[in-house]
Amino acid sequence: HKEVAEMLGISVGTSKSQLFYAKKRLRESISKILGQ
């Protein structure tokens, strides 16, 4: 996370929370697709 945060110029906490939300959205999208 440290490398990502440095590349994007953000804090490590921000990169972790954004990764968490990105994974959550991805899971929701996949479950919608599979649920059709």
C-alpha atoms as a PDB file:
ATOM      1  CA  HIS A   1       0.000   0.000   0.000  1.00  0.00           C
ATOM      2  CA  LYS A   2       2.878   2.319   0.703  1.00  0.00           C
ATOM      3  CA  GLU A   3       4.106   2.175  -2.915  1.00  0.00           C
ATOM      4  CA  VAL A   4       0.602   2.819  -4.252  1.00  0.00           C
ATOM      5  CA  ALA A   5       0.121   5.730  -1.876  1.00  0.00           C
ATOM      6  CA  GLU A   6       3.443   7.260  -2.914  1.00  0.00           C
ATOM      7  CA  MET A   7       2.685   6.849  -6.626  1.00  0.00           C
ATOM      8  CA  LEU A   8      -0.725   8.480  -6.268  1.00  0.00           C
ATOM      9  CA  GLY A   9       0.468  11.068  -3.773  1.00  0.00           C
ATOM     10  CA  ILE A  10      -2.042  10.024  -1.112  1.00  0.00           C
ATOM     11  CA  SER A  11      -1.837   8.615   2.398  1.00  0.00           C
ATOM     12  CA  VAL A  12      -1.588   4.880   3.012  1.00  0.00           C
ATOM     13  CA  GLY A  13      -4.927   4.964   4.855  1.00  0.00           C
ATOM     14  CA  THR A  14      -6.606   6.523   1.827  1.00  0.00           C
ATOM     15  CA  SER A  15      -5.177   3.889  -0.495  1.00  0.00           C
ATOM     16  CA  LYS A  16      -6.391   1.091   1.795  1.00  0.00           C
ATOM     17  CA  SER A  17      -9.903   2.505   2.085  1.00  0.00           C
ATOM     18  CA  GLN A  18     -10.132   3.110  -1.667  1.00  0.00           C
ATOM     19  CA  LEU A  19      -8.958  -0.439  -2.338  1.00  0.00           C
ATOM     20  CA  PHE A  20     -11.581  -1.743   0.098  1.00  0.00           C
ATOM     21  CA  TYR A  21     -14.385   0.184  -1.618  1.00  0.00           C
ATOM     22  CA  ALA A  22     -13.162  -0.788  -5.085  1.00  0.00           C
ATOM     23  CA  LYS A  23     -13.240  -4.477  -4.118  1.00  0.00           C
ATOM     24  CA  LYS A  24     -16.693  -4.038  -2.593  1.00  0.00           C
ATOM     25  CA  ARG A  25     -18.056  -2.403  -5.766  1.00  0.00           C
ATOM     26  CA  LEU A  26     -16.425  -5.090  -7.900  1.00  0.00           C
ATOM     27  CA  ARG A  27     -18.052  -7.855  -5.825  1.00  0.00           C
ATOM     28  CA  GLU A  28     -21.449  -6.148  -6.091  1.00  0.00           C
ATOM     29  CA  SER A  29     -21.096  -5.823  -9.873  1.00  0.00           C
ATOM     30  CA  ILE A  30     -20.100  -9.470 -10.241  1.00  0.00           C
ATOM     31  CA  SER A  31     -22.983 -10.687  -8.089  1.00  0.00           C
ATOM     32  CA  LYS A  32     -25.434  -8.615 -10.168  1.00  0.00           C
ATOM     33  CA  ILE A  33     -24.073 -10.127 -13.380  1.00  0.00           C
ATOM     34  CA  LEU A  34     -24.177 -13.675 -11.993  1.00  0.00           C
ATOM     35  CA  GLY A  35     -27.621 -13.113 -10.500  1.00  0.00           C
ATOM     36  CA  GLN A  36     -29.247 -12.325 -13.847  1.00  0.00           C
END
